Amino acid sequence: MVISKRDQFLEDHVLLVILGSLIGGVIGIFVSSVVFICIKSYRELSNTQIPTPPKNSLTASIDSSPRLSTSRSAYELQDCVSPCFWQNHHNKDVIPISDILNISYRDIKKATKNFTTILEKHSFGPVFQATMPTGEELAVKMLASNSKQGVKAFQTEAVLLSRLHHRNLVNLKGYCVNKEHFMLIYEYLGSGSLAKLLYGEGSTTLSWEQRFQIAVDVSCGIEYLHEGAVPPVVHCDLKSANILLDHSLRAKVSDFGLAMEDIFNNKRLSSEEENGCIDPEVESRNKFTKESDIYSFGIIIFELITAIHPEQNLLEYIDLASASPEGVDEILDRQLVGNCNMEEVRDLAKIGLWCLDKLLRNRPSIEEVSQAIANIRKHQIAEESKISFEDGDELQVAAKETEVSRVSARTNEGILFDIV
């Protein structure tokens, strides 16, 4: 049988059509698979990002009361930030942070006088004072080039701070990324850290009222992190050096979430634990919890009462104070002797001991701590009112009752004193 050229042409044409269809089908299946995988990955990534608080969420309000939070579970710090923020140490990989200023490296260099205005040094790097062209004072925290955290620590705090707003948390103003330079720019708090005021050269003598108010401020800041933030945040490095004070000596909590890897470094952890700054349970459990923050806050309470640095065997003095109801009288800061209400001091020391309980389940929540501290002042005012009533001073009784109402109303705002 002889096949004509026409039939041969048609046969070849059919084969080409079939072959083209097969190739097109394979390509189509491949492209569809790629698109499906991309969409699935994008959805999974979106689900791992930090939850956006609802419109009227506590995180959206600067002075929201954390007591209203319905979320009670603690998150490890690693769970607080989306994995998409853990990038390599390259400028091109840094994800821009919304709602905060991106300040140029040149402007920061000029504002810090070529980085000569150093304020202090931390494990993650130095902090510089910056004066902007507008006259605004800022604090620039530079991530050290040899920091083990790298960009992780930088982005952790930037992401957290851009979402957390409270009067007792340090306020993030902006950030700067330039090649290998990573900087966080904060409001400048002129009075420095609590540690500097208590132990620095020529340190300022803090009155009892000021120290008590600092305890109130810190408890409110931590309460917001534990109970008001979405998701909750464990500070992980709470200590007097990370409590900053403004010109009115009102306290703000800083550095939460920083240096996670350094904290678990054996050398640093053993040193901090030996000094009593970190809960001994942290090493055995290999993680930080709300209870470990409570322990650290207990240490801060006794620093306020005694002005004794944890490195100066503070825990031994605390053991002495726990021997009797009035044991704290023996370790009271000499600057406060005769210049404070000893009943308030003893009551605050009891709260400090409660926070330092060796059993985690026996430690109070930060909400219980805040309420207990507030009750100290309300109880004292009530006692004074009772004495005035027994003396028959009706005007003074009325004044004290008004004061009790004022304190109750202001407790939720975290303010117990008007400090001039």
Protein backbone atom coordinates (compact mmCIF):
# COMPACT_ATOMS: atom_id res chain seq x y z
CA MET A 1 0.00 0.00 0.00
CA VAL A 2 1.42 3.31 -1.06
CA ILE A 3 0.93 6.24 1.30
CA SER A 4 0.47 9.49 -0.48
CA LYS A 5 2.33 12.59 0.51
CA ARG A 6 -0.95 14.15 1.62
CA ASP A 7 -1.71 11.27 3.98
CA GLN A 8 1.87 11.33 5.31
CA PHE A 9 1.54 15.05 6.00
CA LEU A 10 -1.75 14.57 7.84
CA GLU A 11 -0.28 11.73 9.89
CA ASP A 12 2.76 13.82 10.87
CA HIS A 13 0.49 16.74 11.72
CA VAL A 14 -1.66 14.59 14.00
CA LEU A 15 1.42 13.29 15.80
CA LEU A 16 2.67 16.83 16.34
CA VAL A 17 -0.71 17.88 17.72
CA ILE A 18 -0.76 14.92 20.11
CA LEU A 19 2.84 15.54 21.19
CA GLY A 20 2.15 19.24 21.69
CA SER A 21 -0.93 18.49 23.75
CA LEU A 22 1.02 16.11 25.96
CA ILE A 23 3.81 18.62 26.51
CA GLY A 24 1.27 21.38 27.14
CA GLY A 25 -0.57 19.18 29.63
CA VAL A 26 2.64 18.38 31.52
CA ILE A 27 3.61 22.02 31.65
CA GLY A 28 0.11 22.95 32.80
CA ILE A 29 0.19 20.36 35.58
CA PHE A 30 3.64 21.59 36.65
CA VAL A 31 2.58 25.25 36.74
CA SER A 32 -0.61 24.38 38.63
CA SER A 33 1.41 22.40 41.18
CA VAL A 34 3.81 25.30 41.70
CA VAL A 35 0.93 27.76 42.14
CA PHE A 36 -0.81 25.41 44.60
CA ILE A 37 2.37 24.97 46.66
CA CYS A 38 2.99 28.74 46.72
CA ILE A 39 -0.57 29.47 47.85
CA LYS A 40 -0.41 26.78 50.54
CA SER A 41 2.96 28.07 51.80
CA TYR A 42 1.69 31.64 51.85
CA ARG A 43 -1.37 30.63 53.89
CA GLU A 44 0.74 28.64 56.34
CA LEU A 45 3.12 31.58 56.71
CA SER A 46 0.25 33.98 57.27
CA ASN A 47 -1.13 31.74 60.00
CA THR A 48 2.20 31.79 61.87
CA GLN A 49 2.52 35.53 62.02
CA ILE A 50 1.83 37.53 65.13
CA PRO A 51 -1.91 37.75 65.74
CA THR A 52 -3.30 41.18 65.02
CA PRO A 53 -5.15 42.48 68.08
CA PRO A 54 -8.83 43.28 67.59
CA LYS A 55 -9.80 46.88 67.06
CA ASN A 56 -10.47 47.58 70.72
CA SER A 57 -7.74 45.23 71.98
CA LEU A 58 -5.67 46.08 75.02
CA THR A 59 -2.54 46.17 72.92
CA ALA A 60 -3.87 49.06 70.89
CA SER A 61 -4.32 51.34 73.88
CA ILE A 62 -1.40 52.92 75.67
CA ASP A 63 -2.90 52.79 79.13
CA SER A 64 -5.24 49.82 78.87
CA SER A 65 -5.60 47.90 82.08
CA PRO A 66 -4.18 44.39 81.71
CA ARG A 67 -6.60 43.11 84.33
CA LEU A 68 -9.28 42.99 81.64
CA SER A 69 -7.38 40.46 79.54
CA THR A 70 -9.08 37.15 78.81
CA SER A 71 -5.88 35.43 77.69
CA ARG A 72 -4.08 33.60 80.50
CA SER A 73 -1.57 31.29 78.79
CA ALA A 74 2.12 32.15 78.67
CA TYR A 75 4.05 32.05 75.44
CA GLU A 76 7.72 31.32 75.07
CA LEU A 77 9.46 34.27 73.47
CA GLN A 78 10.10 32.26 70.34
CA ASP A 79 6.33 31.92 69.89
CA CYS A 80 5.76 35.66 70.19
CA VAL A 81 7.33 36.51 66.84
CA SER A 82 6.65 35.00 63.47
CA PRO A 83 9.38 32.77 61.98
CA CYS A 84 9.38 35.03 58.93
CA PHE A 85 11.35 37.55 60.99
CA TRP A 86 14.26 35.18 61.61
CA GLN A 87 16.32 36.24 58.64
CA ASN A 88 19.98 36.03 57.74
CA HIS A 89 22.23 38.88 58.79
CA HIS A 90 21.83 40.82 55.54
CA ASN A 91 20.25 44.18 54.91
CA LYS A 92 18.17 42.86 52.00
CA ASP A 93 16.52 40.29 54.28
CA VAL A 94 15.33 42.74 56.93
CA ILE A 95 11.58 43.15 56.81
CA PRO A 96 10.45 46.79 57.20
CA ILE A 97 8.61 47.46 60.44
CA SER A 98 5.38 49.40 60.11
CA ASP A 99 4.23 52.27 62.28
CA ILE A 100 7.74 53.26 63.44
CA LEU A 101 10.27 55.59 61.82
CA ASN A 102 13.10 54.30 59.65
CA ILE A 103 15.88 56.78 60.50
CA SER A 104 18.90 56.95 58.21
CA TYR A 105 22.34 55.85 59.40
CA ARG A 106 23.77 59.24 58.44
CA ASP A 107 21.27 61.08 60.66
CA ILE A 108 21.97 58.75 63.59
CA LYS A 109 25.72 59.12 63.17
CA LYS A 110 25.37 62.90 63.25
CA ALA A 111 22.95 62.89 66.18
CA THR A 112 25.32 60.75 68.28
CA LYS A 113 28.41 62.81 67.29
CA ASN A 114 29.88 59.90 65.40
CA PHE A 115 28.80 57.48 68.15
CA THR A 116 30.81 59.11 70.92
CA THR A 117 27.93 59.87 73.32
CA ILE A 118 27.79 56.42 74.92
CA LEU A 119 25.36 56.01 77.80
CA GLU A 120 25.94 52.39 78.81
CA LYS A 121 26.85 48.95 77.51
CA HIS A 122 24.76 45.80 77.43
CA SER A 123 25.42 42.25 76.29
CA PHE A 124 23.79 43.04 72.95
CA GLY A 125 25.78 46.26 72.37
CA PRO A 126 26.25 49.91 73.42
CA VAL A 127 23.57 52.55 73.94
CA PHE A 128 24.19 56.12 72.72
CA GLN A 129 22.49 59.41 73.42
CA ALA A 130 21.28 61.16 70.28
CA THR A 131 20.16 64.76 69.81
CA MET A 132 18.02 65.13 66.72
CA PRO A 133 17.83 68.37 64.64
CA THR A 134 14.47 69.08 66.28
CA GLY A 135 16.15 69.04 69.69
CA GLU A 136 14.51 65.77 70.68
CA GLU A 137 16.67 63.51 72.85
CA LEU A 138 16.73 59.85 71.92
CA ALA A 139 18.56 56.71 73.01
CA VAL A 140 20.14 54.62 70.26
CA LYS A 141 20.70 50.95 71.01
CA MET A 142 23.21 49.45 68.59
CA LEU A 143 23.43 45.71 68.08
CA ALA A 144 27.04 44.66 68.68
CA SER A 145 28.84 43.27 65.63
CA ASN A 146 29.90 40.22 67.65
CA SER A 147 26.50 39.68 69.23
CA LYS A 148 25.37 36.05 69.09
CA GLN A 149 21.78 37.11 68.61
CA GLY A 150 22.53 38.97 65.39
CA VAL A 151 19.51 40.32 63.63
CA LYS A 152 17.25 37.99 65.63
CA ALA A 153 17.58 40.09 68.81
CA PHE A 154 17.18 43.28 66.81
CA GLN A 155 14.00 42.23 65.08
CA THR A 156 12.59 40.50 68.15
CA GLU A 157 12.53 43.70 70.16
CA ALA A 158 11.52 45.85 67.21
CA VAL A 159 8.53 43.65 66.39
CA LEU A 160 7.47 43.36 70.03
CA LEU A 161 7.84 47.03 70.83
CA SER A 162 6.00 48.12 67.71
CA ARG A 163 2.97 46.22 69.01
CA LEU A 164 3.20 46.83 72.76
CA HIS A 165 2.16 50.20 74.15
CA HIS A 166 1.85 51.05 77.83
CA ARG A 167 2.91 53.93 80.05
CA ASN A 168 5.27 51.63 81.94
CA LEU A 169 7.03 50.17 78.90
CA VAL A 170 9.86 51.94 77.11
CA ASN A 171 8.64 53.70 73.95
CA LEU A 172 10.20 52.70 70.63
CA LYS A 173 10.58 55.70 68.32
CA GLY A 174 12.21 54.11 65.29
CA TYR A 175 14.90 51.88 63.90
CA CYS A 176 17.91 52.03 61.59
CA VAL A 177 19.35 49.36 59.30
CA ASN A 178 22.49 50.02 57.28
CA LYS A 179 24.66 47.17 55.98
CA GLU A 180 25.94 45.55 59.19
CA HIS A 181 24.49 48.21 61.52
CA PHE A 182 21.23 47.48 63.30
CA MET A 183 19.86 50.07 65.70
CA LEU A 184 16.73 50.60 67.78
CA ILE A 185 15.82 54.19 68.65
CA TYR A 186 13.97 54.82 71.92
CA GLU A 187 12.68 57.73 73.89
CA TYR A 188 15.46 59.10 76.09
CA LEU A 189 14.86 58.68 79.82
CA GLY A 190 17.20 61.16 81.47
CA SER A 191 17.33 59.63 84.94
CA GLY A 192 18.90 56.41 83.69
CA SER A 193 18.33 52.96 85.15
CA LEU A 194 17.17 52.02 88.62
CA ALA A 195 20.50 50.23 89.13
CA LYS A 196 22.36 53.45 88.34
CA LEU A 197 20.28 55.43 90.83
CA LEU A 198 20.72 52.85 93.57
CA TYR A 199 24.36 51.88 93.06
CA GLY A 200 26.05 54.37 90.72
CA GLU A 201 28.67 56.90 91.75
CA GLY A 202 26.99 59.92 93.28
CA SER A 203 23.73 58.01 93.13
CA THR A 204 20.51 59.85 93.90
CA THR A 205 18.83 59.12 97.23
CA LEU A 206 15.37 57.86 96.43
CA SER A 207 12.68 58.52 99.01
CA TRP A 208 10.41 55.73 100.19
CA GLU A 209 7.49 57.19 98.25
CA GLN A 210 9.56 57.19 95.07
CA ARG A 211 10.71 53.61 95.61
CA PHE A 212 7.18 52.46 96.32
CA GLN A 213 5.95 54.14 93.16
CA ILE A 214 8.71 52.44 91.16
CA ALA A 215 7.48 49.08 92.48
CA VAL A 216 3.97 50.02 91.36
CA ASP A 217 5.17 51.10 87.91
CA VAL A 218 7.22 47.95 87.32
CA SER A 219 4.38 45.68 88.43
CA CYS A 220 2.00 47.47 86.04
CA GLY A 221 4.47 47.12 83.15
CA ILE A 222 4.98 43.41 83.79
CA GLU A 223 1.25 42.88 84.32
CA TYR A 224 0.63 44.35 80.89
CA LEU A 225 3.22 42.01 79.33
CA HIS A 226 1.81 38.94 81.09
CA GLU A 227 -1.91 39.63 80.99
CA GLY A 228 -2.60 42.47 78.58
CA ALA A 229 -0.33 41.81 75.60
CA VAL A 230 -1.56 39.67 72.71
CA PRO A 231 0.11 37.19 72.77
CA PRO A 232 1.46 37.38 76.36
CA VAL A 233 5.17 38.16 76.70
CA VAL A 234 7.63 36.77 79.25
CA HIS A 235 10.31 39.38 79.95
CA CYS A 236 13.14 36.86 80.49
CA ASP A 237 15.68 39.42 81.78
CA LEU A 238 13.95 41.50 84.46
CA LYS A 239 16.45 43.34 86.70
CA SER A 240 17.13 46.81 88.07
CA ALA A 241 19.44 47.64 85.16
CA ASN A 242 16.49 47.17 82.80
CA ILE A 243 14.18 49.49 84.72
CA LEU A 244 14.52 53.02 83.30
CA LEU A 245 13.25 56.21 84.92
CA ASP A 246 12.10 59.48 83.41
CA HIS A 247 12.68 62.99 84.79
CA SER A 248 9.85 62.45 87.30
CA LEU A 249 11.38 59.13 88.41
CA ARG A 250 8.49 57.18 86.96
CA ALA A 251 9.65 53.71 85.91
CA LYS A 252 9.44 52.00 82.55
CA VAL A 253 10.40 48.41 81.77
CA SER A 254 12.91 47.91 78.96
CA ASP A 255 14.84 45.15 77.19
CA PHE A 256 12.12 42.50 77.40
CA GLY A 257 12.72 39.71 74.93
CA LEU A 258 16.36 40.57 74.28
CA ALA A 259 19.37 38.26 74.57
CA MET A 260 17.48 34.97 74.77
CA GLU A 261 20.48 33.01 73.49
CA ASP A 262 22.92 34.82 75.76
CA ILE A 263 20.72 34.19 78.80
CA PHE A 264 20.96 30.47 78.15
CA ASN A 265 24.70 30.70 77.67
CA ASN A 266 26.09 28.56 80.52
CA LYS A 267 28.61 31.12 81.71
CA ARG A 268 26.14 33.97 81.88
CA LEU A 269 23.33 31.88 83.33
CA SER A 270 25.48 30.47 86.13
CA SER A 271 26.74 33.96 86.99
CA GLU A 272 23.27 35.52 87.03
CA GLU A 273 21.82 32.60 88.98
CA GLU A 274 24.63 32.74 91.53
CA ASN A 275 23.85 36.42 92.09
CA GLY A 276 20.15 35.67 92.51
CA CYS A 277 18.97 37.66 89.50
CA ILE A 278 17.43 34.66 87.77
CA ASP A 279 15.08 32.07 89.17
CA PRO A 280 17.03 28.86 89.97
CA GLU A 281 14.22 26.92 88.31
CA VAL A 282 15.17 28.40 84.93
CA GLU A 283 18.27 26.25 84.57
CA SER A 284 16.53 23.03 85.63
CA ARG A 285 13.55 23.64 83.36
CA ASN A 286 15.63 25.28 80.62
CA LYS A 287 12.98 27.90 79.96
CA PHE A 288 11.65 31.22 81.23
CA THR A 289 8.09 31.52 82.45
CA LYS A 290 5.81 34.07 84.05
CA GLU A 291 6.87 32.62 87.41
CA SER A 292 10.53 33.35 86.66
CA ASP A 293 9.61 36.99 85.97
CA ILE A 294 7.81 37.04 89.33
CA TYR A 295 10.97 35.78 91.03
CA SER A 296 13.03 38.55 89.41
CA PHE A 297 10.48 41.13 90.50
CA GLY A 298 10.84 39.89 94.08
CA ILE A 299 14.58 40.60 93.82
CA ILE A 300 13.83 44.13 92.58
CA ILE A 301 11.50 44.72 95.55
CA PHE A 302 14.33 43.93 97.97
CA GLU A 303 16.75 46.08 95.98
CA LEU A 304 14.34 48.99 96.49
CA ILE A 305 14.09 48.26 100.22
CA THR A 306 17.77 47.61 100.92
CA ALA A 307 19.77 49.29 98.13
CA ILE A 308 21.89 46.12 98.19
CA HIS A 309 23.05 44.85 94.79
CA PRO A 310 22.30 41.18 94.04
CA GLU A 311 26.05 40.64 93.62
CA GLN A 312 26.55 41.74 97.24
CA ASN A 313 24.89 38.60 98.63
CA LEU A 314 21.41 40.08 98.61
CA LEU A 315 19.84 36.63 98.92
CA GLU A 316 21.58 36.11 102.27
CA TYR A 317 20.13 39.37 103.56
CA ILE A 318 16.71 38.32 102.30
CA ASP A 319 17.00 35.05 104.24
CA LEU A 320 17.77 37.13 107.33
CA ALA A 321 14.70 39.28 106.72
CA SER A 322 12.46 36.22 106.41
CA ALA A 323 13.41 34.98 109.88
CA SER A 324 10.85 37.21 111.60
CA PRO A 325 7.98 39.59 110.72
CA GLU A 326 10.21 42.56 111.50
CA GLY A 327 13.38 41.06 110.08
CA VAL A 328 13.39 43.49 107.18
CA ASP A 329 14.06 46.30 109.68
CA GLU A 330 17.62 44.96 109.99
CA ILE A 331 18.41 45.24 106.28
CA LEU A 332 16.58 48.50 105.49
CA ASP A 333 18.59 51.02 103.48
CA ARG A 334 20.19 53.43 105.96
CA GLN A 335 18.94 56.35 103.86
CA LEU A 336 15.38 55.28 104.70
CA VAL A 337 15.79 54.77 108.45
CA GLY A 338 13.45 57.22 110.15
CA ASN A 339 12.19 58.44 106.77
CA CYS A 340 9.62 55.81 105.82
CA ASN A 341 6.52 54.03 107.00
CA MET A 342 7.85 50.77 108.43
CA GLU A 343 4.48 49.03 108.15
CA GLU A 344 4.53 49.67 104.39
CA VAL A 345 8.13 48.46 104.18
CA ARG A 346 7.26 45.22 106.00
CA ASP A 347 4.17 44.65 103.90
CA LEU A 348 6.13 45.17 100.67
CA ALA A 349 8.84 42.80 101.94
CA LYS A 350 6.16 40.14 102.51
CA ILE A 351 5.13 40.50 98.87
CA GLY A 352 8.79 40.20 97.85
CA LEU A 353 9.15 36.96 99.83
CA TRP A 354 5.95 35.66 98.25
CA CYS A 355 7.47 36.28 94.82
CA LEU A 356 10.66 34.43 95.81
CA ASP A 357 8.93 31.26 96.98
CA LYS A 358 10.97 28.25 95.87
CA LEU A 359 7.86 26.45 94.67
CA LEU A 360 6.58 27.91 91.42
CA ARG A 361 2.97 26.98 92.18
CA ASN A 362 3.10 29.03 95.39
CA ARG A 363 4.20 32.23 93.69
CA PRO A 364 1.56 34.87 92.96
CA SER A 365 0.54 36.02 89.53
CA ILE A 366 1.59 39.54 88.60
CA GLU A 367 -2.05 40.59 88.88
CA GLU A 368 -2.09 39.41 92.50
CA VAL A 369 1.18 41.23 93.12
CA SER A 370 -0.16 44.51 91.70
CA GLN A 371 -3.33 44.27 93.80
CA ALA A 372 -1.36 43.43 96.95
CA ILE A 373 0.91 46.44 96.47
CA ALA A 374 -2.08 48.71 95.92
CA ASN A 375 -3.72 47.35 99.06
CA ILE A 376 -0.71 48.37 101.15
CA ARG A 377 -1.43 52.04 100.66
CA LYS A 378 -5.22 51.64 100.94
CA HIS A 379 -4.78 49.71 104.20
CA GLN A 380 -2.49 52.39 105.60
CA ILE A 381 -4.96 55.16 104.78
CA ALA A 382 -7.77 53.15 106.35
CA GLU A 383 -5.72 52.69 109.55
CA GLU A 384 -5.01 56.42 109.74
CA SER A 385 -8.71 57.10 109.21
CA LYS A 386 -9.58 54.74 112.09
CA ILE A 387 -7.17 56.53 114.43
CA SER A 388 -8.60 59.90 113.41
CA PHE A 389 -12.14 58.63 114.08
CA GLU A 390 -11.14 57.47 117.57
CA ASP A 391 -9.68 60.92 118.20
CA GLY A 392 -12.97 62.51 117.14
CA ASP A 393 -11.51 64.51 114.26
CA GLU A 394 -14.45 64.34 111.83
CA LEU A 395 -12.84 66.59 109.22
CA GLN A 396 -9.73 64.44 109.12
CA VAL A 397 -11.86 61.29 108.90
CA ALA A 398 -13.71 62.73 105.91
CA ALA A 399 -10.42 63.65 104.28
CA LYS A 400 -9.07 60.13 104.78
CA GLU A 401 -12.24 58.58 103.34
CA THR A 402 -11.84 60.80 100.29
CA GLU A 403 -8.22 59.70 100.03
CA VAL A 404 -9.23 56.02 100.15
CA SER A 405 -11.67 56.60 97.29
CA ARG A 406 -9.01 58.45 95.31
CA VAL A 407 -6.49 55.65 95.76
CA SER A 408 -9.06 53.02 94.77
CA ALA A 409 -9.94 54.95 91.63
CA ARG A 410 -6.31 55.43 90.66
CA THR A 411 -5.13 51.92 91.46
CA ASN A 412 -6.18 50.67 88.03
CA GLU A 413 -4.09 53.42 86.47
CA GLY A 414 -0.99 52.25 88.32
CA ILE A 415 -0.56 55.58 90.14
CA LEU A 416 -0.37 55.71 93.92
CA PHE A 417 1.58 58.90 94.46
CA ASP A 418 1.93 62.36 93.01
CA ILE A 419 5.71 62.76 93.00
CA VAL A 420 7.05 66.24 92.43
